[in-house]
Amino acid sequence: MRFNTMFFLLILSCLGLALAQTTYEDCCFKYVKTMSRRTQRHAVEYRKQVVDGGCNIPAVIFTMKRGLELCADPKEKWVRALIKKIQHKKTKKH
């Protein structure tokens, strides 16, 4: 009886650890280096990723018309320009 209880607790604790380690955040782990002007036209919104928890790099995540998300370095000049374009489009609509 003791062996069964110990075995059950061991399996339960291993399962708990495995589930805890497989929770992924929606993080970027690398950047796209460039984005063509044609691709940039399909960017409809963006959000900023800050360094905390599982996210280890700062990034700007662009969402495209069809839902694809691309990560870019917020220090890049083209990234800042694209953010301004998206903000301008949103203010024109409202």
PDB file of N, CA and C in Angstrom:
ATOM      1  N   MET A   1       0.820  -1.191   0.000  1.00  0.00           N
ATOM      2  CA  MET A   1       0.000   0.000   0.000  1.00  0.00           C
ATOM      3  C   MET A   1       0.865   1.257   0.000  1.00  0.00           C
ATOM      4  N   ARG A   2       1.925   1.262   0.812  1.00  0.00           N
ATOM      5  CA  ARG A   2       2.812   2.418   0.869  1.00  0.00           C
ATOM      6  C   ARG A   2       3.497   2.658  -0.469  1.00  0.00           C
ATOM      7  N   PHE A   3       3.919   1.579  -1.111  1.00  0.00           N
ATOM      8  CA  PHE A   3       4.591   1.700  -2.400  1.00  0.00           C
ATOM      9  C   PHE A   3       3.659   2.330  -3.425  1.00  0.00           C
ATOM     10  N   ASN A   4       2.417   1.911  -3.483  1.00  0.00           N
ATOM     11  CA  ASN A   4       1.459   2.468  -4.434  1.00  0.00           C
ATOM     12  C   ASN A   4       1.232   3.955  -4.189  1.00  0.00           C
ATOM     13  N   THR A   5       1.129   4.347  -2.946  1.00  0.00           N
ATOM     14  CA  THR A   5       0.911   5.750  -2.596  1.00  0.00           C
ATOM     15  C   THR A   5       2.130   6.582  -2.979  1.00  0.00           C
ATOM     16  N   MET A   6       3.316   6.085  -2.658  1.00  0.00           N
ATOM     17  CA  MET A   6       4.549   6.800  -3.003  1.00  0.00           C
ATOM     18  C   MET A   6       4.712   6.917  -4.514  1.00  0.00           C
ATOM     19  N   PHE A   7       4.424   5.844  -5.215  1.00  0.00           N
ATOM     20  CA  PHE A   7       4.528   5.847  -6.675  1.00  0.00           C
ATOM     21  C   PHE A   7       3.543   6.843  -7.278  1.00  0.00           C
ATOM     22  N   PHE A   8       2.336   6.868  -6.778  1.00  0.00           N
ATOM     23  CA  PHE A   8       1.315   7.804  -7.257  1.00  0.00           C
ATOM     24  C   PHE A   8       1.741   9.255  -7.022  1.00  0.00           C
ATOM     25  N   LEU A   9       2.273   9.551  -5.820  1.00  0.00           N
ATOM     26  CA  LEU A   9       2.735  10.903  -5.521  1.00  0.00           C
ATOM     27  C   LEU A   9       3.920  11.310  -6.391  1.00  0.00           C
ATOM     28  N   LEU A  10       4.810  10.379  -6.658  1.00  0.00           N
ATOM     29  CA  LEU A  10       5.947  10.657  -7.534  1.00  0.00           C
ATOM     30  C   LEU A  10       5.486  10.987  -8.948  1.00  0.00           C
ATOM     31  N   ILE A  11       4.580  10.196  -9.477  1.00  0.00           N
ATOM     32  CA  ILE A  11       4.049  10.440 -10.827  1.00  0.00           C
ATOM     33  C   ILE A  11       3.316  11.784 -10.873  1.00  0.00           C
ATOM     34  N   LEU A  12       2.524  12.062  -9.859  1.00  0.00           N
ATOM     35  CA  LEU A  12       1.771  13.314  -9.793  1.00  0.00           C
ATOM     36  C   LEU A  12       2.701  14.528  -9.742  1.00  0.00           C
ATOM     37  N   SER A  13       3.770  14.447  -8.951  1.00  0.00           N
ATOM     38  CA  SER A  13       4.699  15.575  -8.869  1.00  0.00           C
ATOM     39  C   SER A  13       5.470  15.762 -10.177  1.00  0.00           C
ATOM     40  N   CYS A  14       5.856  14.685 -10.842  1.00  0.00           N
ATOM     41  CA  CYS A  14       6.541  14.788 -12.136  1.00  0.00           C
ATOM     42  C   CYS A  14       5.623  15.398 -13.187  1.00  0.00           C
ATOM     43  N   LEU A  15       4.375  15.007 -13.168  1.00  0.00           N
ATOM     44  CA  LEU A  15       3.403  15.565 -14.108  1.00  0.00           C
ATOM     45  C   LEU A  15       3.206  17.058 -13.867  1.00  0.00           C
ATOM     46  N   GLY A  16       3.131  17.456 -12.615  1.00  0.00           N
ATOM     47  CA  GLY A  16       2.986  18.876 -12.273  1.00  0.00           C
ATOM     48  C   GLY A  16       4.173  19.697 -12.747  1.00  0.00           C
ATOM     49  N   LEU A  17       5.385  19.175 -12.563  1.00  0.00           N
ATOM     50  CA  LEU A  17       6.587  19.877 -13.024  1.00  0.00           C
ATOM     51  C   LEU A  17       6.616  19.980 -14.546  1.00  0.00           C
ATOM     52  N   ALA A  18       6.232  18.924 -15.218  1.00  0.00           N
ATOM     53  CA  ALA A  18       6.223  18.940 -16.678  1.00  0.00           C
ATOM     54  C   ALA A  18       5.227  19.968 -17.209  1.00  0.00           C
ATOM     55  N   LEU A  19       4.078  20.034 -16.618  1.00  0.00           N
ATOM     56  CA  LEU A  19       3.073  21.009 -17.063  1.00  0.00           C
ATOM     57  C   LEU A  19       3.510  22.431 -16.754  1.00  0.00           C
ATOM     58  N   ALA A  20       4.181  22.642 -15.658  1.00  0.00           N
ATOM     59  CA  ALA A  20       4.640  23.980 -15.286  1.00  0.00           C
ATOM     60  C   ALA A  20       5.717  24.481 -16.241  1.00  0.00           C
ATOM     61  N   GLN A  21       6.536  23.594 -16.765  1.00  0.00           N
ATOM     62  CA  GLN A  21       7.615  23.995 -17.649  1.00  0.00           C
ATOM     63  C   GLN A  21       7.160  24.206 -19.083  1.00  0.00           C
ATOM     64  N   THR A  22       6.010  23.728 -19.464  1.00  0.00           N
ATOM     65  CA  THR A  22       5.585  23.859 -20.851  1.00  0.00           C
ATOM     66  C   THR A  22       4.622  25.018 -21.067  1.00  0.00           C
ATOM     67  N   THR A  23       4.473  25.896 -20.087  1.00  0.00           N
ATOM     68  CA  THR A  23       3.637  27.058 -20.301  1.00  0.00           C
ATOM     69  C   THR A  23       4.473  28.116 -20.989  1.00  0.00           C
ATOM     70  N   TYR A  24       4.122  28.450 -22.214  1.00  0.00           N
ATOM     71  CA  TYR A  24       4.873  29.415 -22.994  1.00  0.00           C
ATOM     72  C   TYR A  24       4.126  30.734 -23.034  1.00  0.00           C
ATOM     73  N   GLU A  25       4.883  31.803 -22.927  1.00  0.00           N
ATOM     74  CA  GLU A  25       4.305  33.113 -23.117  1.00  0.00           C
ATOM     75  C   GLU A  25       4.382  33.445 -24.598  1.00  0.00           C
ATOM     76  N   ASP A  26       3.644  34.433 -25.009  1.00  0.00           N
ATOM     77  CA  ASP A  26       3.656  34.855 -26.396  1.00  0.00           C
ATOM     78  C   ASP A  26       4.814  35.828 -26.576  1.00  0.00           C
ATOM     79  N   CYS A  27       6.025  35.286 -26.715  1.00  0.00           N
ATOM     80  CA  CYS A  27       7.240  36.099 -26.752  1.00  0.00           C
ATOM     81  C   CYS A  27       7.976  35.957 -28.074  1.00  0.00           C
ATOM     82  N   CYS A  28       8.723  37.009 -28.392  1.00  0.00           N
ATOM     83  CA  CYS A  28       9.650  36.968 -29.523  1.00  0.00           C
ATOM     84  C   CYS A  28      11.011  36.525 -29.010  1.00  0.00           C
ATOM     85  N   PHE A  29      11.663  35.685 -29.764  1.00  0.00           N
ATOM     86  CA  PHE A  29      12.997  35.241 -29.385  1.00  0.00           C
ATOM     87  C   PHE A  29      14.056  35.707 -30.369  1.00  0.00           C
ATOM     88  N   LYS A  30      13.619  36.231 -31.535  1.00  0.00           N
ATOM     89  CA  LYS A  30      14.547  36.809 -32.504  1.00  0.00           C
ATOM     90  C   LYS A  30      13.790  37.815 -33.370  1.00  0.00           C
ATOM     91  N   TYR A  31      14.541  38.663 -34.048  1.00  0.00           N
ATOM     92  CA  TYR A  31      13.972  39.727 -34.864  1.00  0.00           C
ATOM     93  C   TYR A  31      14.048  39.395 -36.355  1.00  0.00           C
ATOM     94  N   VAL A  32      13.122  39.987 -37.120  1.00  0.00           N
ATOM     95  CA  VAL A  32      13.321  40.020 -38.560  1.00  0.00           C
ATOM     96  C   VAL A  32      14.273  41.180 -38.809  1.00  0.00           C
ATOM     97  N   LYS A  33      15.199  41.015 -39.737  1.00  0.00           N
ATOM     98  CA  LYS A  33      16.196  42.062 -39.971  1.00  0.00           C
ATOM     99  C   LYS A  33      15.611  43.221 -40.767  1.00  0.00           C
ATOM    100  N   THR A  34      14.864  42.898 -41.791  1.00  0.00           N
ATOM    101  CA  THR A  34      14.236  43.925 -42.613  1.00  0.00           C
ATOM    102  C   THR A  34      12.843  43.463 -43.010  1.00  0.00           C
ATOM    103  N   MET A  35      12.068  44.413 -43.479  1.00  0.00           N
ATOM    104  CA  MET A  35      10.730  44.108 -43.977  1.00  0.00           C
ATOM    105  C   MET A  35      10.521  44.976 -45.215  1.00  0.00           C
ATOM    106  N   SER A  36      10.202  44.358 -46.331  1.00  0.00           N
ATOM    107  CA  SER A  36      10.031  45.124 -47.562  1.00  0.00           C
ATOM    108  C   SER A  36       8.868  46.099 -47.431  1.00  0.00           C
ATOM    109  N   ARG A  37       8.866  47.121 -48.250  1.00  0.00           N
ATOM    110  CA  ARG A  37       7.773  48.105 -48.213  1.00  0.00           C
ATOM    111  C   ARG A  37       6.436  47.436 -48.517  1.00  0.00           C
ATOM    112  N   ARG A  38       6.465  46.471 -49.394  1.00  0.00           N
ATOM    113  CA  ARG A  38       5.239  45.745 -49.739  1.00  0.00           C
ATOM    114  C   ARG A  38       4.679  45.011 -48.514  1.00  0.00           C
ATOM    115  N   THR A  39       5.559  44.392 -47.756  1.00  0.00           N
ATOM    116  CA  THR A  39       5.149  43.689 -46.543  1.00  0.00           C
ATOM    117  C   THR A  39       4.700  44.680 -45.475  1.00  0.00           C
ATOM    118  N   GLN A  40       5.382  45.806 -45.379  1.00  0.00           N
ATOM    119  CA  GLN A  40       5.032  46.820 -44.383  1.00  0.00           C
ATOM    120  C   GLN A  40       3.614  47.343 -44.588  1.00  0.00           C
ATOM    121  N   ARG A  41       3.153  47.386 -45.831  1.00  0.00           N
ATOM    122  CA  ARG A  41       1.797  47.875 -46.104  1.00  0.00           C
ATOM    123  C   ARG A  41       0.736  46.976 -45.480  1.00  0.00           C
ATOM    124  N   HIS A  42       1.070  45.733 -45.203  1.00  0.00           N
ATOM    125  CA  HIS A  42       0.108  44.783 -44.635  1.00  0.00           C
ATOM    126  C   HIS A  42       0.064  44.822 -43.105  1.00  0.00           C
ATOM    127  N   ALA A  43       0.934  45.614 -42.484  1.00  0.00           N
ATOM    128  CA  ALA A  43       0.940  45.723 -41.024  1.00  0.00           C
ATOM    129  C   ALA A  43      -0.253  46.569 -40.588  1.00  0.00           C
ATOM    130  N   VAL A  44      -1.101  46.010 -39.729  1.00  0.00           N
ATOM    131  CA  VAL A  44      -2.308  46.715 -39.304  1.00  0.00           C
ATOM    132  C   VAL A  44      -2.237  47.192 -37.858  1.00  0.00           C
ATOM    133  N   GLU A  45      -1.420  46.560 -37.053  1.00  0.00           N
ATOM    134  CA  GLU A  45      -1.263  47.003 -35.671  1.00  0.00           C
ATOM    135  C   GLU A  45       0.057  46.505 -35.123  1.00  0.00           C
ATOM    136  N   TYR A  46       0.397  47.009 -33.962  1.00  0.00           N
ATOM    137  CA  TYR A  46       1.640  46.602 -33.315  1.00  0.00           C
ATOM    138  C   TYR A  46       1.437  46.603 -31.809  1.00  0.00           C
ATOM    139  N   ARG A  47       2.334  45.911 -31.131  1.00  0.00           N
ATOM    140  CA  ARG A  47       2.377  45.951 -29.674  1.00  0.00           C
ATOM    141  C   ARG A  47       3.833  45.815 -29.262  1.00  0.00           C
ATOM    142  N   LYS A  48       4.122  46.296 -28.077  1.00  0.00           N
ATOM    143  CA  LYS A  48       5.502  46.267 -27.606  1.00  0.00           C
ATOM    144  C   LYS A  48       5.683  45.144 -26.592  1.00  0.00           C
ATOM    145  N   GLN A  49       6.803  44.457 -26.726  1.00  0.00           N
ATOM    146  CA  GLN A  49       7.174  43.411 -25.783  1.00  0.00           C
ATOM    147  C   GLN A  49       8.273  43.958 -24.886  1.00  0.00           C
ATOM    148  N   VAL A  50       8.073  43.856 -23.588  1.00  0.00           N
ATOM    149  CA  VAL A  50       9.091  44.301 -22.637  1.00  0.00           C
ATOM    150  C   VAL A  50       9.811  43.084 -22.058  1.00  0.00           C
ATOM    151  N   VAL A  51      10.995  43.324 -21.539  1.00  0.00           N
ATOM    152  CA  VAL A  51      11.790  42.233 -20.980  1.00  0.00           C
ATOM    153  C   VAL A  51      11.281  41.928 -19.574  1.00  0.00           C
ATOM    154  N   ASP A  52      10.639  40.772 -19.407  1.00  0.00           N
ATOM    155  CA  ASP A  52      10.196  40.295 -18.094  1.00  0.00           C
ATOM    156  C   ASP A  52       9.778  38.842 -18.231  1.00  0.00           C
ATOM    157  N   GLY A  53       9.855  38.116 -17.169  1.00  0.00           N
ATOM    158  CA  GLY A  53       9.440  36.716 -17.184  1.00  0.00           C
ATOM    159  C   GLY A  53      10.176  35.910 -18.236  1.00  0.00           C
ATOM    160  N   GLY A  54       9.427  35.287 -19.144  1.00  0.00           N
ATOM    161  CA  GLY A  54      10.016  34.459 -20.185  1.00  0.00           C
ATOM    162  C   GLY A  54      10.457  35.229 -21.408  1.00  0.00           C
ATOM    163  N   CYS A  55      10.082  36.498 -21.512  1.00  0.00           N
ATOM    164  CA  CYS A  55      10.447  37.311 -22.671  1.00  0.00           C
ATOM    165  C   CYS A  55      11.784  37.975 -22.389  1.00  0.00           C
ATOM    166  N   ASN A  56      12.821  37.569 -23.114  1.00  0.00           N
ATOM    167  CA  ASN A  56      14.161  38.034 -22.778  1.00  0.00           C
ATOM    168  C   ASN A  56      14.712  39.121 -23.691  1.00  0.00           C
ATOM    169  N   ILE A  57      13.949  39.574 -24.697  1.00  0.00           N
ATOM    170  CA  ILE A  57      14.409  40.668 -25.537  1.00  0.00           C
ATOM    171  C   ILE A  57      13.287  41.683 -25.716  1.00  0.00           C
ATOM    172  N   PRO A  58      13.636  42.974 -25.788  1.00  0.00           N
ATOM    173  CA  PRO A  58      12.606  43.960 -26.110  1.00  0.00           C
ATOM    174  C   PRO A  58      12.278  43.846 -27.598  1.00  0.00           C
ATOM    175  N   ALA A  59      11.015  43.990 -27.944  1.00  0.00           N
ATOM    176  CA  ALA A  59      10.632  43.843 -29.345  1.00  0.00           C
ATOM    177  C   ALA A  59       9.352  44.609 -29.634  1.00  0.00           C
ATOM    178  N   VAL A  60       9.157  44.882 -30.915  1.00  0.00           N
ATOM    179  CA  VAL A  60       7.888  45.393 -31.409  1.00  0.00           C
ATOM    180  C   VAL A  60       7.303  44.273 -32.249  1.00  0.00           C
ATOM    181  N   ILE A  61       6.068  43.880 -31.944  1.00  0.00           N
ATOM    182  CA  ILE A  61       5.429  42.778 -32.653  1.00  0.00           C
ATOM    183  C   ILE A  61       4.372  43.369 -33.580  1.00  0.00           C
ATOM    184  N   PHE A  62       4.613  43.241 -34.877  1.00  0.00           N
ATOM    185  CA  PHE A  62       3.679  43.741 -35.874  1.00  0.00           C
ATOM    186  C   PHE A  62       2.706  42.633 -36.254  1.00  0.00           C
ATOM    187  N   THR A  63       1.429  42.965 -36.300  1.00  0.00           N
ATOM    188  CA  THR A  63       0.411  42.020 -36.733  1.00  0.00           C
ATOM    189  C   THR A  63      -0.006  42.394 -38.142  1.00  0.00           C
ATOM    190  N   MET A  64       0.030  41.416 -39.036  1.00  0.00           N
ATOM    191  CA  MET A  64      -0.319  41.647 -40.432  1.00  0.00           C
ATOM    192  C   MET A  64      -1.816  41.398 -40.653  1.00  0.00           C
ATOM    193  N   LYS A  65      -2.299  41.740 -41.831  1.00  0.00           N
ATOM    194  CA  LYS A  65      -3.728  41.616 -42.150  1.00  0.00           C
ATOM    195  C   LYS A  65      -4.265  40.215 -41.923  1.00  0.00           C
ATOM    196  N   ARG A  66      -3.505  39.222 -42.239  1.00  0.00           N
ATOM    197  CA  ARG A  66      -3.978  37.834 -42.113  1.00  0.00           C
ATOM    198  C   ARG A  66      -3.614  37.196 -40.774  1.00  0.00           C
ATOM    199  N   GLY A  67      -3.135  38.007 -39.826  1.00  0.00           N
ATOM    200  CA  GLY A  67      -2.857  37.486 -38.491  1.00  0.00           C
ATOM    201  C   GLY A  67      -1.419  37.084 -38.221  1.00  0.00           C
ATOM    202  N   LEU A  68      -0.577  37.092 -39.235  1.00  0.00           N
ATOM    203  CA  LEU A  68       0.828  36.753 -39.042  1.00  0.00           C
ATOM    204  C   LEU A  68       1.479  37.807 -38.157  1.00  0.00           C
ATOM    205  N   GLU A  69       2.328  37.374 -37.237  1.00  0.00           N
ATOM    206  CA  GLU A  69       3.029  38.300 -36.361  1.00  0.00           C
ATOM    207  C   GLU A  69       4.526  38.231 -36.630  1.00  0.00           C
ATOM    208  N   LEU A  70       5.128  39.414 -36.778  1.00  0.00           N
ATOM    209  CA  LEU A  70       6.556  39.516 -37.029  1.00  0.00           C
ATOM    210  C   LEU A  70       7.183  40.379 -35.945  1.00  0.00           C
ATOM    211  N   CYS A  71       8.327  39.947 -35.443  1.00  0.00           N
ATOM    212  CA  CYS A  71       9.016  40.654 -34.368  1.00  0.00           C
ATOM    213  C   CYS A  71      10.165  41.465 -34.937  1.00  0.00           C
ATOM    214  N   ALA A  72      10.304  42.691 -34.424  1.00  0.00           N
ATOM    215  CA  ALA A  72      11.355  43.572 -34.906  1.00  0.00           C
ATOM    216  C   ALA A  72      12.034  44.271 -33.737  1.00  0.00           C
ATOM    217  N   ASP A  73      13.253  44.715 -33.989  1.00  0.00           N
ATOM    218  CA  ASP A  73      14.046  45.428 -32.986  1.00  0.00           C
ATOM    219  C   ASP A  73      13.528  46.856 -32.858  1.00  0.00           C
ATOM    220  N   PRO A  74      13.095  47.269 -31.662  1.00  0.00           N
ATOM    221  CA  PRO A  74      12.546  48.612 -31.503  1.00  0.00           C
ATOM    222  C   PRO A  74      13.574  49.729 -31.712  1.00  0.00           C
ATOM    223  N   LYS A  75      14.852  49.397 -31.750  1.00  0.00           N
ATOM    224  CA  LYS A  75      15.889  50.403 -31.961  1.00  0.00           C
ATOM    225  C   LYS A  75      16.094  50.737 -33.435  1.00  0.00           C
ATOM    226  N   GLU A  76      15.597  49.890 -34.323  1.00  0.00           N
ATOM    227  CA  GLU A  76      15.788  50.094 -35.756  1.00  0.00           C
ATOM    228  C   GLU A  76      14.970  51.287 -36.257  1.00  0.00           C
ATOM    229  N   LYS A  77      15.546  52.020 -37.177  1.00  0.00           N
ATOM    230  CA  LYS A  77      14.901  53.210 -37.730  1.00  0.00           C
ATOM    231  C   LYS A  77      13.615  52.862 -38.490  1.00  0.00           C
ATOM    232  N   TRP A  78      13.653  51.792 -39.285  1.00  0.00           N
ATOM    233  CA  TRP A  78      12.483  51.416 -40.080  1.00  0.00           C
ATOM    234  C   TRP A  78      11.319  50.967 -39.201  1.00  0.00           C
ATOM    235  N   VAL A  79      11.632  50.408 -38.029  1.00  0.00           N
ATOM    236  CA  VAL A  79      10.598  49.957 -37.093  1.00  0.00           C
ATOM    237  C   VAL A  79       9.860  51.173 -36.529  1.00  0.00           C
ATOM    238  N   ARG A  80      10.625  52.183 -36.111  1.00  0.00           N
ATOM    239  CA  ARG A  80      10.001  53.403 -35.582  1.00  0.00           C
ATOM    240  C   ARG A  80       9.166  54.105 -36.649  1.00  0.00           C
ATOM    241  N   ALA A  81       9.645  54.086 -37.896  1.00  0.00           N
ATOM    242  CA  ALA A  81       8.893  54.713 -38.990  1.00  0.00           C
ATOM    243  C   ALA A  81       7.585  53.958 -39.250  1.00  0.00           C
ATOM    244  N   LEU A  82       7.632  52.634 -39.195  1.00  0.00           N
ATOM    245  CA  LEU A  82       6.425  51.833 -39.419  1.00  0.00           C
ATOM    246  C   LEU A  82       5.408  52.034 -38.296  1.00  0.00           C
ATOM    247  N   ILE A  83       5.875  52.179 -37.079  1.00  0.00           N
ATOM    248  CA  ILE A  83       4.977  52.460 -35.955  1.00  0.00           C
ATOM    249  C   ILE A  83       4.236  53.775 -36.199  1.00  0.00           C
ATOM    250  N   LYS A  84       4.972  54.789 -36.657  1.00  0.00           N
ATOM    251  CA  LYS A  84       4.343  56.084 -36.944  1.00  0.00           C
ATOM    252  C   LYS A  84       3.302  55.966 -38.048  1.00  0.00           C
ATOM    253  N   LYS A  85       3.604  55.174 -39.079  1.00  0.00           N
ATOM    254  CA  LYS A  85       2.643  54.978 -40.177  1.00  0.00           C
ATOM    255  C   LYS A  85       1.367  54.313 -39.678  1.00  0.00           C
ATOM    256  N   ILE A  86       1.511  53.313 -38.844  1.00  0.00           N
ATOM    257  CA  ILE A  86       0.342  52.607 -38.315  1.00  0.00           C
ATOM    258  C   ILE A  86      -0.484  53.547 -37.433  1.00  0.00           C
ATOM    259  N   GLN A  87       0.191  54.330 -36.599  1.00  0.00           N
ATOM    260  CA  GLN A  87      -0.522  55.289 -35.758  1.00  0.00           C
ATOM    261  C   GLN A  87      -1.255  56.324 -36.609  1.00  0.00           C
ATOM    262  N   HIS A  88      -0.603  56.766 -37.676  1.00  0.00           N
ATOM    263  CA  HIS A  88      -1.231  57.744 -38.569  1.00  0.00           C
ATOM    264  C   HIS A  88      -2.477  57.167 -39.238  1.00  0.00           C
ATOM    265  N   LYS A  89      -2.397  55.916 -39.694  1.00  0.00           N
ATOM    266  CA  LYS A  89      -3.553  55.254 -40.305  1.00  0.00           C
ATOM    267  C   LYS A  89      -4.726  55.162 -39.323  1.00  0.00           C
ATOM    268  N   LYS A  90      -4.402  54.834 -38.076  1.00  0.00           N
ATOM    269  CA  LYS A  90      -5.465  54.703 -37.070  1.00  0.00           C
ATOM    270  C   LYS A  90      -6.123  56.036 -36.756  1.00  0.00           C
ATOM    271  N   THR A  91      -5.352  57.113 -36.729  1.00  0.00           N
ATOM    272  CA  THR A  91      -5.938  58.426 -36.454  1.00  0.00           C
ATOM    273  C   THR A  91      -6.759  58.924 -37.633  1.00  0.00           C
ATOM    274  N   LYS A  92      -6.394  58.539 -38.850  1.00  0.00           N
ATOM    275  CA  LYS A  92      -7.178  58.923 -40.030  1.00  0.00           C
ATOM    276  C   LYS A  92      -8.543  58.249 -40.037  1.00  0.00           C
ATOM    277  N   LYS A  93      -8.603  57.012 -39.569  1.00  0.00           N
ATOM    278  CA  LYS A  93      -9.860  56.272 -39.543  1.00  0.00           C
ATOM    279  C   LYS A  93     -10.840  56.852 -38.517  1.00  0.00           C
ATOM    280  N   HIS A  94     -10.312  57.383 -37.439  1.00  0.00           N
ATOM    281  CA  HIS A  94     -11.183  57.909 -36.368  1.00  0.00           C
ATOM    282  C   HIS A  94     -11.345  59.348 -36.609  1.00  0.00           C
TER     283      HIS A  94
END
